[in-house]
PDB file of all heavy atoms in Angstrom:
ATOM      1  N   ALA A   1       5.111 -13.249   6.813  1.00  0.00           N
ATOM      2  CA  ALA A   1       5.050 -12.557   8.164  1.00  0.00           C
ATOM      3  C   ALA A   1       5.119 -13.545   9.276  1.00  0.00           C
ATOM      4  O   ALA A   1       5.916 -13.352  10.278  1.00  0.00           O
ATOM      5  CB  ALA A   1       3.804 -11.749   8.350  1.00  0.00           C
ATOM      6  N   ALA A   2       4.451 -14.748   9.142  1.00  0.00           N
ATOM      7  CA  ALA A   2       4.560 -15.778  10.175  1.00  0.00           C
ATOM      8  C   ALA A   2       5.976 -16.364  10.183  1.00  0.00           C
ATOM      9  O   ALA A   2       6.525 -16.657  11.240  1.00  0.00           O
ATOM     10  CB  ALA A   2       3.489 -16.812   9.876  1.00  0.00           C
ATOM     11  N   ALA A   3       6.522 -16.687   9.024  1.00  0.00           N
ATOM     12  CA  ALA A   3       7.814 -17.394   8.962  1.00  0.00           C
ATOM     13  C   ALA A   3       8.954 -16.499   9.465  1.00  0.00           C
ATOM     14  O   ALA A   3       9.930 -17.000  10.026  1.00  0.00           O
ATOM     15  CB  ALA A   3       8.155 -17.718   7.527  1.00  0.00           C
ATOM     16  N   SER A   4       8.812 -15.168   9.329  1.00  0.00           N
ATOM     17  CA  SER A   4       9.873 -14.236   9.693  1.00  0.00           C
ATOM     18  C   SER A   4      10.095 -14.093  11.188  1.00  0.00           C
ATOM     19  O   SER A   4      10.939 -13.384  11.674  1.00  0.00           O
ATOM     20  CB  SER A   4       9.688 -12.858   9.028  1.00  0.00           C
ATOM     21  OG  SER A   4       8.543 -12.270   9.635  1.00  0.00           O
ATOM     22  N   ARG A   5       9.198 -14.698  12.029  1.00  0.00           N
ATOM     23  CA  ARG A   5       9.329 -14.645  13.459  1.00  0.00           C
ATOM     24  C   ARG A   5      10.634 -15.295  13.868  1.00  0.00           C
ATOM     25  O   ARG A   5      11.235 -14.819  14.919  1.00  0.00           O
ATOM     26  CB  ARG A   5       8.205 -15.418  14.079  1.00  0.00           C
ATOM     27  CG  ARG A   5       6.835 -14.684  14.027  1.00  0.00           C
ATOM     28  CD  ARG A   5       5.720 -15.519  14.667  1.00  0.00           C
ATOM     29  NE  ARG A   5       5.565 -16.755  13.965  1.00  0.00           N
ATOM     30  CZ  ARG A   5       4.594 -17.644  14.244  1.00  0.00           C
ATOM     31  NH1 ARG A   5       3.777 -17.435  15.253  1.00  0.00           N
ATOM     32  NH2 ARG A   5       4.475 -18.775  13.528  1.00  0.00           N
ATOM     33  N   ASP A   6      11.114 -16.352  13.145  1.00  0.00           N
ATOM     34  CA  ASP A   6      12.290 -17.058  13.554  1.00  0.00           C
ATOM     35  C   ASP A   6      13.309 -17.328  12.500  1.00  0.00           C
ATOM     36  O   ASP A   6      14.247 -18.126  12.692  1.00  0.00           O
ATOM     37  CB  ASP A   6      11.911 -18.309  14.272  1.00  0.00           C
ATOM     38  CG  ASP A   6      10.986 -19.179  13.399  1.00  0.00           C
ATOM     39  OD1 ASP A   6      10.885 -18.946  12.165  1.00  0.00           O
ATOM     40  OD2 ASP A   6      10.439 -20.207  13.928  1.00  0.00           O
ATOM     41  N   ARG A   7      13.187 -16.683  11.284  1.00  0.00           N
ATOM     42  CA  ARG A   7      14.140 -16.909  10.223  1.00  0.00           C
ATOM     43  C   ARG A   7      14.152 -15.833   9.211  1.00  0.00           C
ATOM     44  O   ARG A   7      13.090 -15.062   9.119  1.00  0.00           O
ATOM     45  CB  ARG A   7      13.973 -18.239   9.595  1.00  0.00           C
ATOM     46  CG  ARG A   7      12.652 -18.418   8.885  1.00  0.00           C
ATOM     47  CD  ARG A   7      12.537 -19.822   8.440  1.00  0.00           C
ATOM     48  NE  ARG A   7      11.183 -20.353   8.781  1.00  0.00           N
ATOM     49  CZ  ARG A   7      10.685 -21.451   8.209  1.00  0.00           C
ATOM     50  NH1 ARG A   7      11.282 -22.038   7.273  1.00  0.00           N
ATOM     51  NH2 ARG A   7       9.481 -21.830   8.575  1.00  0.00           N
ATOM     52  N   ASN A   8      15.164 -15.637   8.450  1.00  0.00           N
ATOM     53  CA  ASN A   8      15.261 -14.612   7.449  1.00  0.00           C
ATOM     54  C   ASN A   8      14.388 -15.046   6.294  1.00  0.00           C
ATOM     55  O   ASN A   8      14.500 -16.129   5.746  1.00  0.00           O
ATOM     56  CB  ASN A   8      16.661 -14.381   6.953  1.00  0.00           C
ATOM     57  CG  ASN A   8      17.527 -13.647   8.003  1.00  0.00           C
ATOM     58  OD1 ASN A   8      16.995 -12.810   8.782  1.00  0.00           O
ATOM     59  ND2 ASN A   8      18.786 -13.993   8.113  1.00  0.00           N
ATOM     60  N   CYS A   9      13.483 -14.120   5.816  1.00  0.00           N
ATOM     61  CA  CYS A   9      12.517 -14.490   4.768  1.00  0.00           C
ATOM     62  C   CYS A   9      12.431 -13.351   3.763  1.00  0.00           C
ATOM     63  O   CYS A   9      12.527 -12.173   4.082  1.00  0.00           O
ATOM     64  CB  CYS A   9      11.175 -14.666   5.458  1.00  0.00           C
ATOM     65  SG  CYS A   9       9.837 -15.197   4.307  1.00  0.00           S
ATOM     66  N   LEU A  10      12.275 -13.788   2.484  1.00  0.00           N
ATOM     67  CA  LEU A  10      12.068 -12.832   1.364  1.00  0.00           C
ATOM     68  C   LEU A  10      10.714 -13.143   0.723  1.00  0.00           C
ATOM     69  O   LEU A  10      10.476 -14.369   0.415  1.00  0.00           O
ATOM     70  CB  LEU A  10      13.155 -12.934   0.318  1.00  0.00           C
ATOM     71  CG  LEU A  10      12.996 -12.116  -0.958  1.00  0.00           C
ATOM     72  CD1 LEU A  10      13.065 -10.609  -0.625  1.00  0.00           C
ATOM     73  CD2 LEU A  10      14.016 -12.549  -2.003  1.00  0.00           C
ATOM     74  N   VAL A  11       9.812 -12.176   0.589  1.00  0.00           N
ATOM     75  CA  VAL A  11       8.579 -12.482  -0.133  1.00  0.00           C
ATOM     76  C   VAL A  11       8.670 -11.636  -1.388  1.00  0.00           C
ATOM     77  O   VAL A  11       8.993 -10.419  -1.463  1.00  0.00           O
ATOM     78  CB  VAL A  11       7.397 -12.046   0.714  1.00  0.00           C
ATOM     79  CG1 VAL A  11       7.409 -10.594   1.200  1.00  0.00           C
ATOM     80  CG2 VAL A  11       6.067 -12.314   0.047  1.00  0.00           C
ATOM     81  N   VAL A  12       8.366 -12.341  -2.530  1.00  0.00           N
ATOM     82  CA  VAL A  12       8.593 -11.783  -3.861  1.00  0.00           C
ATOM     83  C   VAL A  12       7.284 -11.788  -4.691  1.00  0.00           C
ATOM     84  O   VAL A  12       6.602 -12.820  -4.773  1.00  0.00           O
ATOM     85  CB  VAL A  12       9.643 -12.588  -4.683  1.00  0.00           C
ATOM     86  CG1 VAL A  12       9.907 -11.977  -5.990  1.00  0.00           C
ATOM     87  CG2 VAL A  12      10.918 -12.681  -3.886  1.00  0.00           C
ATOM     88  N   SER A  13       6.853 -10.662  -5.212  1.00  0.00           N
ATOM     89  CA  SER A  13       5.664 -10.636  -6.127  1.00  0.00           C
ATOM     90  C   SER A  13       6.166 -10.713  -7.578  1.00  0.00           C
ATOM     91  O   SER A  13       7.050  -9.926  -8.002  1.00  0.00           O
ATOM     92  CB  SER A  13       4.898  -9.364  -5.929  1.00  0.00           C
ATOM     93  OG  SER A  13       3.872  -9.232  -6.925  1.00  0.00           O
ATOM     94  N   THR A  14       5.638 -11.760  -8.293  1.00  0.00           N
ATOM     95  CA  THR A  14       5.947 -11.843  -9.694  1.00  0.00           C
ATOM     96  C   THR A  14       4.773 -11.533 -10.611  1.00  0.00           C
ATOM     97  O   THR A  14       4.805 -11.695 -11.801  1.00  0.00           O
ATOM     98  CB  THR A  14       6.411 -13.290 -10.062  1.00  0.00           C
ATOM     99  OG1 THR A  14       5.319 -14.234  -9.923  1.00  0.00           O
ATOM    100  CG2 THR A  14       7.583 -13.697  -9.164  1.00  0.00           C
ATOM    101  N   ASP A  15       3.680 -11.061  -9.967  1.00  0.00           N
ATOM    102  CA  ASP A  15       2.492 -10.661 -10.678  1.00  0.00           C
ATOM    103  C   ASP A  15       2.595  -9.239 -11.182  1.00  0.00           C
ATOM    104  O   ASP A  15       2.945  -8.373 -10.415  1.00  0.00           O
ATOM    105  CB  ASP A  15       1.266 -10.729  -9.760  1.00  0.00           C
ATOM    106  CG  ASP A  15      -0.076 -10.579 -10.453  1.00  0.00           C
ATOM    107  OD1 ASP A  15      -0.046 -10.037 -11.585  1.00  0.00           O
ATOM    108  OD2 ASP A  15      -1.118 -11.039  -9.892  1.00  0.00           O
ATOM    109  N   PRO A  16       2.491  -9.003 -12.501  1.00  0.00           N
ATOM    110  CA  PRO A  16       2.636  -7.609 -13.009  1.00  0.00           C
ATOM    111  C   PRO A  16       1.687  -6.618 -12.344  1.00  0.00           C
ATOM    112  O   PRO A  16       2.077  -5.488 -12.213  1.00  0.00           O
ATOM    113  CB  PRO A  16       2.269  -7.788 -14.529  1.00  0.00           C
ATOM    114  CG  PRO A  16       2.579  -9.211 -14.860  1.00  0.00           C
ATOM    115  CD  PRO A  16       2.218  -9.991 -13.613  1.00  0.00           C
ATOM    116  N   ALA A  17       0.536  -7.108 -11.885  1.00  0.00           N
ATOM    117  CA  ALA A  17      -0.389  -6.224 -11.180  1.00  0.00           C
ATOM    118  C   ALA A  17      -0.019  -6.318  -9.647  1.00  0.00           C
ATOM    119  O   ALA A  17      -0.738  -6.949  -8.899  1.00  0.00           O
ATOM    120  CB  ALA A  17      -1.814  -6.646 -11.434  1.00  0.00           C
ATOM    121  N   HIS A  18       1.053  -5.654  -9.310  1.00  0.00           N
ATOM    122  CA  HIS A  18       1.525  -5.814  -7.957  1.00  0.00           C
ATOM    123  C   HIS A  18       0.595  -5.206  -6.879  1.00  0.00           C
ATOM    124  O   HIS A  18       0.078  -4.104  -7.022  1.00  0.00           O
ATOM    125  CB  HIS A  18       2.962  -5.149  -7.749  1.00  0.00           C
ATOM    126  CG  HIS A  18       3.975  -5.708  -8.613  1.00  0.00           C
ATOM    127  ND1 HIS A  18       4.408  -7.042  -8.512  1.00  0.00           N
ATOM    128  CD2 HIS A  18       4.693  -5.191  -9.594  1.00  0.00           C
ATOM    129  CE1 HIS A  18       5.340  -7.273  -9.334  1.00  0.00           C
ATOM    130  NE2 HIS A  18       5.563  -6.159 -10.044  1.00  0.00           N
ATOM    131  N   SER A  19       0.420  -5.917  -5.737  1.00  0.00           N
ATOM    132  CA  SER A  19      -0.344  -5.362  -4.640  1.00  0.00           C
ATOM    133  C   SER A  19       0.377  -5.703  -3.288  1.00  0.00           C
ATOM    134  O   SER A  19      -0.190  -5.444  -2.291  1.00  0.00           O
ATOM    135  CB  SER A  19      -1.733  -5.893  -4.611  1.00  0.00           C
ATOM    136  OG  SER A  19      -1.769  -7.283  -4.618  1.00  0.00           O
ATOM    137  N   LEU A  20       1.592  -6.253  -3.379  1.00  0.00           N
ATOM    138  CA  LEU A  20       2.337  -6.606  -2.229  1.00  0.00           C
ATOM    139  C   LEU A  20       2.607  -5.395  -1.314  1.00  0.00           C
ATOM    140  O   LEU A  20       2.367  -5.420  -0.055  1.00  0.00           O
ATOM    141  CB  LEU A  20       3.585  -7.297  -2.559  1.00  0.00           C
ATOM    142  CG  LEU A  20       4.371  -7.994  -1.425  1.00  0.00           C
ATOM    143  CD1 LEU A  20       3.511  -9.193  -0.877  1.00  0.00           C
ATOM    144  CD2 LEU A  20       5.669  -8.517  -1.948  1.00  0.00           C
ATOM    145  N   GLY A  21       3.025  -4.337  -1.964  1.00  0.00           N
ATOM    146  CA  GLY A  21       3.298  -3.046  -1.212  1.00  0.00           C
ATOM    147  C   GLY A  21       2.073  -2.543  -0.578  1.00  0.00           C
ATOM    148  O   GLY A  21       2.077  -1.999   0.585  1.00  0.00           O
ATOM    149  N   ASP A  22       0.890  -2.622  -1.207  1.00  0.00           N
ATOM    150  CA  ASP A  22      -0.342  -2.104  -0.694  1.00  0.00           C
ATOM    151  C   ASP A  22      -0.738  -2.887   0.585  1.00  0.00           C
ATOM    152  O   ASP A  22      -1.232  -2.364   1.520  1.00  0.00           O
ATOM    153  CB  ASP A  22      -1.480  -2.298  -1.716  1.00  0.00           C
ATOM    154  CG  ASP A  22      -1.260  -1.371  -2.944  1.00  0.00           C
ATOM    155  OD1 ASP A  22      -0.608  -0.378  -2.813  1.00  0.00           O
ATOM    156  OD2 ASP A  22      -1.716  -1.748  -4.056  1.00  0.00           O
ATOM    157  N   ILE A  23      -0.518  -4.212   0.544  1.00  0.00           N
ATOM    158  CA  ILE A  23      -0.880  -5.074   1.659  1.00  0.00           C
ATOM    159  C   ILE A  23       0.042  -4.752   2.842  1.00  0.00           C
ATOM    160  O   ILE A  23      -0.476  -4.791   4.024  1.00  0.00           O
ATOM    161  CB  ILE A  23      -0.837  -6.544   1.245  1.00  0.00           C
ATOM    162  CG1 ILE A  23      -1.989  -6.903   0.319  1.00  0.00           C
ATOM    163  CG2 ILE A  23      -0.800  -7.521   2.454  1.00  0.00           C
ATOM    164  CD1 ILE A  23      -1.959  -8.199  -0.233  1.00  0.00           C
ATOM    165  N   PHE A  24       1.265  -4.521   2.612  1.00  0.00           N
ATOM    166  CA  PHE A  24       2.175  -4.115   3.706  1.00  0.00           C
ATOM    167  C   PHE A  24       2.107  -2.699   4.073  1.00  0.00           C
ATOM    168  O   PHE A  24       2.784  -2.242   5.030  1.00  0.00           O
ATOM    169  CB  PHE A  24       3.628  -4.530   3.408  1.00  0.00           C
ATOM    170  CG  PHE A  24       3.988  -5.981   3.640  1.00  0.00           C
ATOM    171  CD1 PHE A  24       3.932  -6.877   2.601  1.00  0.00           C
ATOM    172  CD2 PHE A  24       4.218  -6.433   4.943  1.00  0.00           C
ATOM    173  CE1 PHE A  24       4.234  -8.244   2.844  1.00  0.00           C
ATOM    174  CE2 PHE A  24       4.522  -7.756   5.135  1.00  0.00           C
ATOM    175  CZ  PHE A  24       4.540  -8.675   4.112  1.00  0.00           C
ATOM    176  N   ASP A  25       1.320  -1.866   3.390  1.00  0.00           N
ATOM    177  CA  ASP A  25       1.128  -0.465   3.675  1.00  0.00           C
ATOM    178  C   ASP A  25       2.457   0.333   3.519  1.00  0.00           C
ATOM    179  O   ASP A  25       2.718   1.244   4.275  1.00  0.00           O
ATOM    180  CB  ASP A  25       0.597  -0.221   5.083  1.00  0.00           C
ATOM    181  CG  ASP A  25      -0.929  -0.334   5.122  1.00  0.00           C
ATOM    182  OD1 ASP A  25      -1.516  -0.194   4.031  1.00  0.00           O
ATOM    183  OD2 ASP A  25      -1.488  -0.443   6.196  1.00  0.00           O
ATOM    184  N   ARG A  26       3.273  -0.076   2.535  1.00  0.00           N
ATOM    185  CA  ARG A  26       4.448   0.642   2.228  1.00  0.00           C
ATOM    186  C   ARG A  26       4.925   0.339   0.886  1.00  0.00           C
ATOM    187  O   ARG A  26       4.679  -0.721   0.312  1.00  0.00           O
ATOM    188  CB  ARG A  26       5.535   0.327   3.319  1.00  0.00           C
ATOM    189  CG  ARG A  26       5.874  -1.147   3.341  1.00  0.00           C
ATOM    190  CD  ARG A  26       6.881  -1.433   4.496  1.00  0.00           C
ATOM    191  NE  ARG A  26       8.045  -0.590   4.472  1.00  0.00           N
ATOM    192  CZ  ARG A  26       8.867  -0.525   5.478  1.00  0.00           C
ATOM    193  NH1 ARG A  26       8.587  -1.175   6.595  1.00  0.00           N
ATOM    194  NH2 ARG A  26       9.924   0.256   5.370  1.00  0.00           N
ATOM    195  N   PRO A  27       5.630   1.282   0.210  1.00  0.00           N
ATOM    196  CA  PRO A  27       6.139   1.035  -1.161  1.00  0.00           C
ATOM    197  C   PRO A  27       7.209  -0.066  -1.107  1.00  0.00           C
ATOM    198  O   PRO A  27       8.065  -0.114  -0.154  1.00  0.00           O
ATOM    199  CB  PRO A  27       6.629   2.373  -1.633  1.00  0.00           C
ATOM    200  CG  PRO A  27       6.951   3.109  -0.345  1.00  0.00           C
ATOM    201  CD  PRO A  27       5.951   2.649   0.677  1.00  0.00           C
ATOM    202  N   ILE A  28       7.200  -0.843  -2.210  1.00  0.00           N
ATOM    203  CA  ILE A  28       8.332  -1.896  -2.221  1.00  0.00           C
ATOM    204  C   ILE A  28       9.112  -1.720  -3.462  1.00  0.00           C
ATOM    205  O   ILE A  28      10.187  -1.255  -3.457  1.00  0.00           O
ATOM    206  CB  ILE A  28       7.651  -3.332  -2.117  1.00  0.00           C
ATOM    207  CG1 ILE A  28       7.050  -3.559  -0.756  1.00  0.00           C
ATOM    208  CG2 ILE A  28       8.774  -4.418  -2.396  1.00  0.00           C
ATOM    209  CD1 ILE A  28       6.398  -4.895  -0.546  1.00  0.00           C
ATOM    210  N   GLY A  29       8.489  -2.046  -4.641  1.00  0.00           N
ATOM    211  CA  GLY A  29       9.206  -1.773  -5.883  1.00  0.00           C
ATOM    212  C   GLY A  29      10.205  -2.944  -6.259  1.00  0.00           C
ATOM    213  O   GLY A  29      10.242  -4.020  -5.691  1.00  0.00           O
TER     214      GLY A  29
END
């Protein structure tokens, strides 16, 4: 979130127990 202020950024979850979508309050998949 900090880096995306001034550049294109991709955040990737490789943990089978995903919680990235929960933290962003939206489904990712």
